[in-house]
């Protein structure tokens, strides 16, 4: 909310990062692109 990122890169393990991305999407209003690319 404070930083207002345009892009979020989630560098966590599979099975968690996707759930976190869904949580973020449901709880933010701004246009944000979230990349669940894990170990990449």
ModelCIF file with pLDDT and N, C-alpha, C, O atoms, coordinates in Angstrom:
data_MODEL
#
_entry.id   MODEL 
#
_entity.id                         1 
_entity.type                       polymer 
_entity.pdbx_number_of_molecules   1 
#
_entity_poly.entity_id                      1 
_entity_poly.type                           'polypeptide(L)' 
_entity_poly.nstd_linkage                   no 
_entity_poly.nstd_monomer                   no 
_entity_poly.pdbx_seq_one_letter_code       
;(UNK)(UNK)(UNK)(UNK)(UNK)(UNK)(UNK)(UNK)(UNK)(UNK)(UNK)(UNK)(UNK)(UNK)(UNK)(UNK)
(UNK)(UNK)(UNK)(UNK)(UNK)(UNK)(UNK)(UNK)(UNK)(UNK)(UNK)(UNK)(UNK)(UNK)(UNK)(UNK)
(UNK)(UNK)(UNK)(UNK)(UNK)(UNK)(UNK)(UNK)
;
_entity_poly.pdbx_seq_one_letter_code_can   XXXXXXXXXXXXXXXXXXXXXXXXXXXXXXXXXXXXXXXX 
_entity_poly.pdbx_strand_id                 A 
#
loop_
_entity_poly_seq.entity_id 
_entity_poly_seq.num 
_entity_poly_seq.mon_id 
_entity_poly_seq.hetero 
1 1  UNK n 
1 2  UNK n 
1 3  UNK n 
1 4  UNK n 
1 5  UNK n 
1 6  UNK n 
1 7  UNK n 
1 8  UNK n 
1 9  UNK n 
1 10 UNK n 
1 11 UNK n 
1 12 UNK n 
1 13 UNK n 
1 14 UNK n 
1 15 UNK n 
1 16 UNK n 
1 17 UNK n 
1 18 UNK n 
1 19 UNK n 
1 20 UNK n 
1 21 UNK n 
1 22 UNK n 
1 23 UNK n 
1 24 UNK n 
1 25 UNK n 
1 26 UNK n 
1 27 UNK n 
1 28 UNK n 
1 29 UNK n 
1 30 UNK n 
1 31 UNK n 
1 32 UNK n 
1 33 UNK n 
1 34 UNK n 
1 35 UNK n 
1 36 UNK n 
1 37 UNK n 
1 38 UNK n 
1 39 UNK n 
1 40 UNK n 
#
_struct_asym.id          A 
_struct_asym.entity_id   1 
#
loop_
_ma_qa_metric.id 
_ma_qa_metric.mode 
_ma_qa_metric.name 
_ma_qa_metric.software_group_id 
_ma_qa_metric.type 
1 global pLDDT . pLDDT 
2 local  pLDDT . pLDDT 
#
_ma_qa_metric_global.metric_id      1 
_ma_qa_metric_global.metric_value   94.88 
_ma_qa_metric_global.model_id       1 
_ma_qa_metric_global.ordinal_id     1 
#
loop_
_ma_qa_metric_local.label_asym_id 
_ma_qa_metric_local.label_comp_id 
_ma_qa_metric_local.label_seq_id 
_ma_qa_metric_local.metric_id 
_ma_qa_metric_local.metric_value 
_ma_qa_metric_local.model_id 
_ma_qa_metric_local.ordinal_id 
A UNK 1  2 96.00 1 1  
A UNK 2  2 97.00 1 2  
A UNK 3  2 97.00 1 3  
A UNK 4  2 97.00 1 4  
A UNK 5  2 98.00 1 5  
A UNK 6  2 97.00 1 6  
A UNK 7  2 98.00 1 7  
A UNK 8  2 98.00 1 8  
A UNK 9  2 98.00 1 9  
A UNK 10 2 98.00 1 10 
A UNK 11 2 96.00 1 11 
A UNK 12 2 95.00 1 12 
A UNK 13 2 86.00 1 13 
A UNK 14 2 74.00 1 14 
A UNK 15 2 90.00 1 15 
A UNK 16 2 95.00 1 16 
A UNK 17 2 97.00 1 17 
A UNK 18 2 97.00 1 18 
A UNK 19 2 97.00 1 19 
A UNK 20 2 98.00 1 20 
A UNK 21 2 98.00 1 21 
A UNK 22 2 98.00 1 22 
A UNK 23 2 98.00 1 23 
A UNK 24 2 98.00 1 24 
A UNK 25 2 97.00 1 25 
A UNK 26 2 96.00 1 26 
A UNK 27 2 97.00 1 27 
A UNK 28 2 95.00 1 28 
A UNK 29 2 87.00 1 29 
A UNK 30 2 89.00 1 30 
A UNK 31 2 93.00 1 31 
A UNK 32 2 97.00 1 32 
A UNK 33 2 98.00 1 33 
A UNK 34 2 98.00 1 34 
A UNK 35 2 98.00 1 35 
A UNK 36 2 97.00 1 36 
A UNK 37 2 95.00 1 37 
A UNK 38 2 89.00 1 38 
A UNK 39 2 88.00 1 39 
A UNK 40 2 90.00 1 40 
#
loop_
_atom_site.group_PDB 
_atom_site.id 
_atom_site.type_symbol 
_atom_site.label_atom_id 
_atom_site.label_alt_id 
_atom_site.label_comp_id 
_atom_site.label_asym_id 
_atom_site.label_entity_id 
_atom_site.label_seq_id 
_atom_site.pdbx_PDB_ins_code 
_atom_site.Cartn_x 
_atom_site.Cartn_y 
_atom_site.Cartn_z 
_atom_site.occupancy 
_atom_site.B_iso_or_equiv 
_atom_site.pdbx_formal_charge 
_atom_site.auth_seq_id 
_atom_site.auth_comp_id 
_atom_site.auth_asym_id 
_atom_site.auth_atom_id 
_atom_site.pdbx_PDB_model_num 
ATOM 1   N N  . UNK A 1 1  ? 0.826  -1.209  0.000   1.00 96.00 ? 1  UNK A N  1 
ATOM 2   C CA . UNK A 1 1  ? 0.000  0.000   0.000   1.00 96.00 ? 1  UNK A CA 1 
ATOM 3   C C  . UNK A 1 1  ? 0.860  1.258   0.000   1.00 96.00 ? 1  UNK A C  1 
ATOM 4   O O  . UNK A 1 1  ? 0.548  2.229   -0.690  1.00 96.00 ? 1  UNK A O  1 
ATOM 5   N N  . UNK A 1 2  ? 1.934  1.239   0.769   1.00 97.00 ? 2  UNK A N  1 
ATOM 6   C CA . UNK A 1 2  ? 2.809  2.411   0.874   1.00 97.00 ? 2  UNK A CA 1 
ATOM 7   C C  . UNK A 1 2  ? 3.712  2.549   -0.355  1.00 97.00 ? 2  UNK A C  1 
ATOM 8   O O  . UNK A 1 2  ? 3.836  3.633   -0.925  1.00 97.00 ? 2  UNK A O  1 
ATOM 9   N N  . UNK A 1 3  ? 4.335  1.451   -0.753  1.00 97.00 ? 3  UNK A N  1 
ATOM 10  C CA . UNK A 1 3  ? 5.316  1.490   -1.846  1.00 97.00 ? 3  UNK A CA 1 
ATOM 11  C C  . UNK A 1 3  ? 4.670  1.524   -3.225  1.00 97.00 ? 3  UNK A C  1 
ATOM 12  O O  . UNK A 1 3  ? 5.215  2.120   -4.154  1.00 97.00 ? 3  UNK A O  1 
ATOM 13  N N  . UNK A 1 4  ? 3.506  0.884   -3.361  1.00 97.00 ? 4  UNK A N  1 
ATOM 14  C CA . UNK A 1 4  ? 2.746  0.822   -4.610  1.00 97.00 ? 4  UNK A CA 1 
ATOM 15  C C  . UNK A 1 4  ? 3.581  0.307   -5.789  1.00 97.00 ? 4  UNK A C  1 
ATOM 16  O O  . UNK A 1 4  ? 3.789  1.025   -6.767  1.00 97.00 ? 4  UNK A O  1 
ATOM 17  N N  . UNK A 1 5  ? 4.050  -0.924  -5.693  1.00 98.00 ? 5  UNK A N  1 
ATOM 18  C CA . UNK A 1 5  ? 4.851  -1.486  -6.791  1.00 98.00 ? 5  UNK A CA 1 
ATOM 19  C C  . UNK A 1 5  ? 4.009  -1.765  -8.028  1.00 98.00 ? 5  UNK A C  1 
ATOM 20  O O  . UNK A 1 5  ? 2.824  -2.083  -7.929  1.00 98.00 ? 5  UNK A O  1 
ATOM 21  N N  . UNK A 1 6  ? 4.633  -1.641  -9.189  1.00 97.00 ? 6  UNK A N  1 
ATOM 22  C CA . UNK A 1 6  ? 3.968  -2.019  -10.445 1.00 97.00 ? 6  UNK A CA 1 
ATOM 23  C C  . UNK A 1 6  ? 4.134  -3.514  -10.690 1.00 97.00 ? 6  UNK A C  1 
ATOM 24  O O  . UNK A 1 6  ? 3.258  -4.169  -11.253 1.00 97.00 ? 6  UNK A O  1 
ATOM 25  N N  . UNK A 1 7  ? 5.296  -4.047  -10.249 1.00 98.00 ? 7  UNK A N  1 
ATOM 26  C CA . UNK A 1 7  ? 5.592  -5.467  -10.431 1.00 98.00 ? 7  UNK A CA 1 
ATOM 27  C C  . UNK A 1 7  ? 6.065  -6.072  -9.113  1.00 98.00 ? 7  UNK A C  1 
ATOM 28  O O  . UNK A 1 7  ? 6.843  -5.464  -8.378  1.00 98.00 ? 7  UNK A O  1 
ATOM 29  N N  . UNK A 1 8  ? 5.586  -7.271  -8.829  1.00 98.00 ? 8  UNK A N  1 
ATOM 30  C CA . UNK A 1 8  ? 6.046  -8.026  -7.666  1.00 98.00 ? 8  UNK A CA 1 
ATOM 31  C C  . UNK A 1 8  ? 6.634  -9.341  -8.157  1.00 98.00 ? 8  UNK A C  1 
ATOM 32  O O  . UNK A 1 8  ? 5.988  -10.084 -8.897  1.00 98.00 ? 8  UNK A O  1 
ATOM 33  N N  . UNK A 1 9  ? 7.859  -9.620  -7.742  1.00 98.00 ? 9  UNK A N  1 
ATOM 34  C CA . UNK A 1 9  ? 8.514  -10.883 -8.086  1.00 98.00 ? 9  UNK A CA 1 
ATOM 35  C C  . UNK A 1 9  ? 8.584  -11.726 -6.820  1.00 98.00 ? 9  UNK A C  1 
ATOM 36  O O  . UNK A 1 9  ? 9.254  -11.350 -5.859  1.00 98.00 ? 9  UNK A O  1 
ATOM 37  N N  . UNK A 1 10 ? 7.898  -12.861 -6.816  1.00 98.00 ? 10 UNK A N  1 
ATOM 38  C CA . UNK A 1 10 ? 7.889  -13.730 -5.632  1.00 98.00 ? 10 UNK A CA 1 
ATOM 39  C C  . UNK A 1 10 ? 8.915  -14.838 -5.828  1.00 98.00 ? 10 UNK A C  1 
ATOM 40  O O  . UNK A 1 10 ? 8.803  -15.656 -6.740  1.00 98.00 ? 10 UNK A O  1 
ATOM 41  N N  . UNK A 1 11 ? 9.915  -14.847 -4.954  1.00 96.00 ? 11 UNK A N  1 
ATOM 42  C CA . UNK A 1 11 ? 11.033 -15.787 -5.072  1.00 96.00 ? 11 UNK A CA 1 
ATOM 43  C C  . UNK A 1 11 ? 10.963 -16.873 -4.002  1.00 96.00 ? 11 UNK A C  1 
ATOM 44  O O  . UNK A 1 11 ? 11.969 -17.210 -3.379  1.00 96.00 ? 11 UNK A O  1 
ATOM 45  N N  . UNK A 1 12 ? 9.775  -17.410 -3.799  1.00 95.00 ? 12 UNK A N  1 
ATOM 46  C CA . UNK A 1 12 ? 9.558  -18.434 -2.777  1.00 95.00 ? 12 UNK A CA 1 
ATOM 47  C C  . UNK A 1 12 ? 9.302  -19.782 -3.447  1.00 95.00 ? 12 UNK A C  1 
ATOM 48  O O  . UNK A 1 12 ? 9.221  -19.865 -4.673  1.00 95.00 ? 12 UNK A O  1 
ATOM 49  N N  . UNK A 1 13 ? 9.180  -20.812 -2.660  1.00 86.00 ? 13 UNK A N  1 
ATOM 50  C CA . UNK A 1 13 ? 8.951  -22.147 -3.188  1.00 86.00 ? 13 UNK A CA 1 
ATOM 51  C C  . UNK A 1 13 ? 7.553  -22.324 -3.749  1.00 86.00 ? 13 UNK A C  1 
ATOM 52  O O  . UNK A 1 13 ? 6.610  -21.636 -3.358  1.00 86.00 ? 13 UNK A O  1 
ATOM 53  N N  . UNK A 1 14 ? 7.443  -23.274 -4.687  1.00 74.00 ? 14 UNK A N  1 
ATOM 54  C CA . UNK A 1 14 ? 6.142  -23.610 -5.248  1.00 74.00 ? 14 UNK A CA 1 
ATOM 55  C C  . UNK A 1 14 ? 5.228  -24.187 -4.188  1.00 74.00 ? 14 UNK A C  1 
ATOM 56  O O  . UNK A 1 14 ? 5.676  -24.889 -3.281  1.00 74.00 ? 14 UNK A O  1 
ATOM 57  N N  . UNK A 1 15 ? 3.948  -23.888 -4.308  1.00 90.00 ? 15 UNK A N  1 
ATOM 58  C CA . UNK A 1 15 ? 2.986  -24.359 -3.315  1.00 90.00 ? 15 UNK A CA 1 
ATOM 59  C C  . UNK A 1 15 ? 2.688  -23.309 -2.263  1.00 90.00 ? 15 UNK A C  1 
ATOM 60  O O  . UNK A 1 15 ? 1.681  -23.392 -1.561  1.00 90.00 ? 15 UNK A O  1 
ATOM 61  N N  . UNK A 1 16 ? 3.568  -22.317 -2.154  1.00 95.00 ? 16 UNK A N  1 
ATOM 62  C CA . UNK A 1 16 ? 3.366  -21.188 -1.247  1.00 95.00 ? 16 UNK A CA 1 
ATOM 63  C C  . UNK A 1 16 ? 3.235  -19.902 -2.050  1.00 95.00 ? 16 UNK A C  1 
ATOM 64  O O  . UNK A 1 16 ? 2.333  -19.101 -1.804  1.00 95.00 ? 16 UNK A O  1 
ATOM 65  N N  . UNK A 1 17 ? 4.136  -19.703 -3.011  1.00 97.00 ? 17 UNK A N  1 
ATOM 66  C CA . UNK A 1 17 ? 4.151  -18.433 -3.752  1.00 97.00 ? 17 UNK A CA 1 
ATOM 67  C C  . UNK A 1 17 ? 2.839  -18.191 -4.497  1.00 97.00 ? 17 UNK A C  1 
ATOM 68  O O  . UNK A 1 17 ? 2.375  -17.054 -4.580  1.00 97.00 ? 17 UNK A O  1 
ATOM 69  N N  . UNK A 1 18 ? 2.244  -19.246 -5.035  1.00 97.00 ? 18 UNK A N  1 
ATOM 70  C CA . UNK A 1 18 ? 0.987  -19.078 -5.770  1.00 97.00 ? 18 UNK A CA 1 
ATOM 71  C C  . UNK A 1 18 ? -0.155 -18.671 -4.828  1.00 97.00 ? 18 UNK A C  1 
ATOM 72  O O  . UNK A 1 18 ? -1.008 -17.858 -5.185  1.00 97.00 ? 18 UNK A O  1 
ATOM 73  N N  . UNK A 1 19 ? -0.154 -19.245 -3.633  1.00 97.00 ? 19 UNK A N  1 
ATOM 74  C CA . UNK A 1 19 ? -1.170 -18.888 -2.645  1.00 97.00 ? 19 UNK A CA 1 
ATOM 75  C C  . UNK A 1 19 ? -0.988 -17.451 -2.185  1.00 97.00 ? 19 UNK A C  1 
ATOM 76  O O  . UNK A 1 19 ? -1.962 -16.728 -1.974  1.00 97.00 ? 19 UNK A O  1 
ATOM 77  N N  . UNK A 1 20 ? 0.273  -17.042 -2.030  1.00 98.00 ? 20 UNK A N  1 
ATOM 78  C CA . UNK A 1 20 ? 0.567  -15.668 -1.628  1.00 98.00 ? 20 UNK A CA 1 
ATOM 79  C C  . UNK A 1 20 ? 0.148  -14.689 -2.720  1.00 98.00 ? 20 UNK A C  1 
ATOM 80  O O  . UNK A 1 20 ? -0.391 -13.621 -2.427  1.00 98.00 ? 20 UNK A O  1 
ATOM 81  N N  . UNK A 1 21 ? 0.392  -15.046 -3.968  1.00 98.00 ? 21 UNK A N  1 
ATOM 82  C CA . UNK A 1 21 ? -0.007 -14.184 -5.086  1.00 98.00 ? 21 UNK A CA 1 
ATOM 83  C C  . UNK A 1 21 ? -1.519 -13.986 -5.114  1.00 98.00 ? 21 UNK A C  1 
ATOM 84  O O  . UNK A 1 21 ? -2.005 -12.877 -5.334  1.00 98.00 ? 21 UNK A O  1 
ATOM 85  N N  . UNK A 1 22 ? -2.254 -15.065 -4.891  1.00 98.00 ? 22 UNK A N  1 
ATOM 86  C CA . UNK A 1 22 ? -3.719 -14.978 -4.857  1.00 98.00 ? 22 UNK A CA 1 
ATOM 87  C C  . UNK A 1 22 ? -4.171 -14.093 -3.701  1.00 98.00 ? 22 UNK A C  1 
ATOM 88  O O  . UNK A 1 22 ? -5.098 -13.295 -3.844  1.00 98.00 ? 22 UNK A O  1 
ATOM 89  N N  . UNK A 1 23 ? -3.515 -14.238 -2.563  1.00 98.00 ? 23 UNK A N  1 
ATOM 90  C CA . UNK A 1 23 ? -3.820 -13.413 -1.380  1.00 98.00 ? 23 UNK A CA 1 
ATOM 91  C C  . UNK A 1 23 ? -3.587 -11.933 -1.683  1.00 98.00 ? 23 UNK A C  1 
ATOM 92  O O  . UNK A 1 23 ? -4.416 -11.088 -1.345  1.00 98.00 ? 23 UNK A O  1 
ATOM 93  N N  . UNK A 1 24 ? -2.467 -11.624 -2.314  1.00 98.00 ? 24 UNK A N  1 
ATOM 94  C CA . UNK A 1 24 ? -2.150 -10.237 -2.660  1.00 98.00 ? 24 UNK A CA 1 
ATOM 95  C C  . UNK A 1 24 ? -3.183 -9.682  -3.630  1.00 98.00 ? 24 UNK A C  1 
ATOM 96  O O  . UNK A 1 24 ? -3.680 -8.570  -3.457  1.00 98.00 ? 24 UNK A O  1 
ATOM 97  N N  . UNK A 1 25 ? -3.499 -10.467 -4.648  1.00 97.00 ? 25 UNK A N  1 
ATOM 98  C CA . UNK A 1 25 ? -4.464 -10.015 -5.654  1.00 97.00 ? 25 UNK A CA 1 
ATOM 99  C C  . UNK A 1 25 ? -5.819 -9.699  -5.035  1.00 97.00 ? 25 UNK A C  1 
ATOM 100 O O  . UNK A 1 25 ? -6.458 -8.709  -5.389  1.00 97.00 ? 25 UNK A O  1 
ATOM 101 N N  . UNK A 1 26 ? -6.246 -10.540 -4.118  1.00 96.00 ? 26 UNK A N  1 
ATOM 102 C CA . UNK A 1 26 ? -7.556 -10.357 -3.491  1.00 96.00 ? 26 UNK A CA 1 
ATOM 103 C C  . UNK A 1 26 ? -7.595 -9.169  -2.537  1.00 96.00 ? 26 UNK A C  1 
ATOM 104 O O  . UNK A 1 26 ? -8.662 -8.635  -2.237  1.00 96.00 ? 26 UNK A O  1 
ATOM 105 N N  . UNK A 1 27 ? -6.416 -8.763  -2.065  1.00 97.00 ? 27 UNK A N  1 
ATOM 106 C CA . UNK A 1 27 ? -6.381 -7.733  -1.021  1.00 97.00 ? 27 UNK A CA 1 
ATOM 107 C C  . UNK A 1 27 ? -5.724 -6.420  -1.454  1.00 97.00 ? 27 UNK A C  1 
ATOM 108 O O  . UNK A 1 27 ? -5.375 -5.588  -0.616  1.00 97.00 ? 27 UNK A O  1 
ATOM 109 N N  . UNK A 1 28 ? -5.560 -6.242  -2.754  1.00 95.00 ? 28 UNK A N  1 
ATOM 110 C CA . UNK A 1 28 ? -5.037 -4.979  -3.276  1.00 95.00 ? 28 UNK A CA 1 
ATOM 111 C C  . UNK A 1 28 ? -5.930 -4.485  -4.401  1.00 95.00 ? 28 UNK A C  1 
ATOM 112 O O  . UNK A 1 28 ? -6.581 -5.271  -5.091  1.00 95.00 ? 28 UNK A O  1 
ATOM 113 N N  . UNK A 1 29 ? -5.950 -3.180  -4.573  1.00 87.00 ? 29 UNK A N  1 
ATOM 114 C CA . UNK A 1 29 ? -6.816 -2.588  -5.584  1.00 87.00 ? 29 UNK A CA 1 
ATOM 115 C C  . UNK A 1 29 ? -6.044 -2.061  -6.780  1.00 87.00 ? 29 UNK A C  1 
ATOM 116 O O  . UNK A 1 29 ? -6.602 -1.964  -7.874  1.00 87.00 ? 29 UNK A O  1 
ATOM 117 N N  . UNK A 1 30 ? -4.798 -1.724  -6.606  1.00 89.00 ? 30 UNK A N  1 
ATOM 118 C CA . UNK A 1 30 ? -3.985 -1.179  -7.691  1.00 89.00 ? 30 UNK A CA 1 
ATOM 119 C C  . UNK A 1 30 ? -3.666 -2.239  -8.740  1.00 89.00 ? 30 UNK A C  1 
ATOM 120 O O  . UNK A 1 30 ? -3.717 -3.438  -8.466  1.00 89.00 ? 30 UNK A O  1 
ATOM 121 N N  . UNK A 1 31 ? -3.338 -1.779  -9.941  1.00 93.00 ? 31 UNK A N  1 
ATOM 122 C CA . UNK A 1 31 ? -2.923 -2.678  -11.014 1.00 93.00 ? 31 UNK A CA 1 
ATOM 123 C C  . UNK A 1 31 ? -1.503 -3.154  -10.740 1.00 93.00 ? 31 UNK A C  1 
ATOM 124 O O  . UNK A 1 31 ? -0.552 -2.381  -10.852 1.00 93.00 ? 31 UNK A O  1 
ATOM 125 N N  . UNK A 1 32 ? -1.361 -4.419  -10.382 1.00 97.00 ? 32 UNK A N  1 
ATOM 126 C CA . UNK A 1 32 ? -0.055 -4.992  -10.078 1.00 97.00 ? 32 UNK A CA 1 
ATOM 127 C C  . UNK A 1 32 ? 0.102  -6.293  -10.865 1.00 97.00 ? 32 UNK A C  1 
ATOM 128 O O  . UNK A 1 32 ? -0.828 -7.096  -10.944 1.00 97.00 ? 32 UNK A O  1 
ATOM 129 N N  . UNK A 1 33 ? 1.267  -6.489  -11.436 1.00 98.00 ? 33 UNK A N  1 
ATOM 130 C CA . UNK A 1 33 ? 1.600  -7.752  -12.101 1.00 98.00 ? 33 UNK A CA 1 
ATOM 131 C C  . UNK A 1 33 ? 2.511  -8.544  -11.175 1.00 98.00 ? 33 UNK A C  1 
ATOM 132 O O  . UNK A 1 33 ? 3.565  -8.057  -10.767 1.00 98.00 ? 33 UNK A O  1 
ATOM 133 N N  . UNK A 1 34 ? 2.106  -9.763  -10.846 1.00 98.00 ? 34 UNK A N  1 
ATOM 134 C CA . UNK A 1 34 ? 2.827  -10.589 -9.878  1.00 98.00 ? 34 UNK A CA 1 
ATOM 135 C C  . UNK A 1 34 ? 3.414  -11.802 -10.596 1.00 98.00 ? 34 UNK A C  1 
ATOM 136 O O  . UNK A 1 34 ? 2.701  -12.543 -11.273 1.00 98.00 ? 34 UNK A O  1 
ATOM 137 N N  . UNK A 1 35 ? 4.711  -11.990 -10.439 1.00 98.00 ? 35 UNK A N  1 
ATOM 138 C CA . UNK A 1 35 ? 5.399  -13.101 -11.102 1.00 98.00 ? 35 UNK A CA 1 
ATOM 139 C C  . UNK A 1 35 ? 5.805  -14.149 -10.069 1.00 98.00 ? 35 UNK A C  1 
ATOM 140 O O  . UNK A 1 35 ? 6.648  -13.883 -9.212  1.00 98.00 ? 35 UNK A O  1 
ATOM 141 N N  . UNK A 1 36 ? 5.216  -15.323 -10.147 1.00 97.00 ? 36 UNK A N  1 
ATOM 142 C CA . UNK A 1 36 ? 5.578  -16.436 -9.254  1.00 97.00 ? 36 UNK A CA 1 
ATOM 143 C C  . UNK A 1 36 ? 6.630  -17.284 -9.973  1.00 97.00 ? 36 UNK A C  1 
ATOM 144 O O  . UNK A 1 36 ? 6.324  -18.345 -10.517 1.00 97.00 ? 36 UNK A O  1 
ATOM 145 N N  . UNK A 1 37 ? 7.853  -16.807 -9.966  1.00 95.00 ? 37 UNK A N  1 
ATOM 146 C CA . UNK A 1 37 ? 8.911  -17.499 -10.706 1.00 95.00 ? 37 UNK A CA 1 
ATOM 147 C C  . UNK A 1 37 ? 9.874  -18.240 -9.783  1.00 95.00 ? 37 UNK A C  1 
ATOM 148 O O  . UNK A 1 37 ? 10.900 -18.744 -10.239 1.00 95.00 ? 37 UNK A O  1 
ATOM 149 N N  . UNK A 1 38 ? 9.560  -18.310 -8.512  1.00 89.00 ? 38 UNK A N  1 
ATOM 150 C CA . UNK A 1 38 ? 10.284 -19.169 -7.576  1.00 89.00 ? 38 UNK A CA 1 
ATOM 151 C C  . UNK A 1 38 ? 11.791 -19.028 -7.591  1.00 89.00 ? 38 UNK A C  1 
ATOM 152 O O  . UNK A 1 38 ? 12.326 -17.962 -7.287  1.00 89.00 ? 38 UNK A O  1 
ATOM 153 N N  . UNK A 1 39 ? 12.478 -20.112 -7.949  1.00 88.00 ? 39 UNK A N  1 
ATOM 154 C CA . UNK A 1 39 ? 13.940 -20.152 -7.893  1.00 88.00 ? 39 UNK A CA 1 
ATOM 155 C C  . UNK A 1 39 ? 14.603 -19.486 -9.092  1.00 88.00 ? 39 UNK A C  1 
ATOM 156 O O  . UNK A 1 39 ? 15.831 -19.442 -9.156  1.00 88.00 ? 39 UNK A O  1 
ATOM 157 N N  . UNK A 1 40 ? 13.837 -18.971 -10.037 1.00 90.00 ? 40 UNK A N  1 
ATOM 158 C CA . UNK A 1 40 ? 14.418 -18.411 -11.262 1.00 90.00 ? 40 UNK A CA 1 
ATOM 159 C C  . UNK A 1 40 ? 15.448 -17.332 -10.974 1.00 90.00 ? 40 UNK A C  1 
ATOM 160 O O  . UNK A 1 40 ? 16.025 -16.766 -11.902 1.00 90.00 ? 40 UNK A O  1 
#
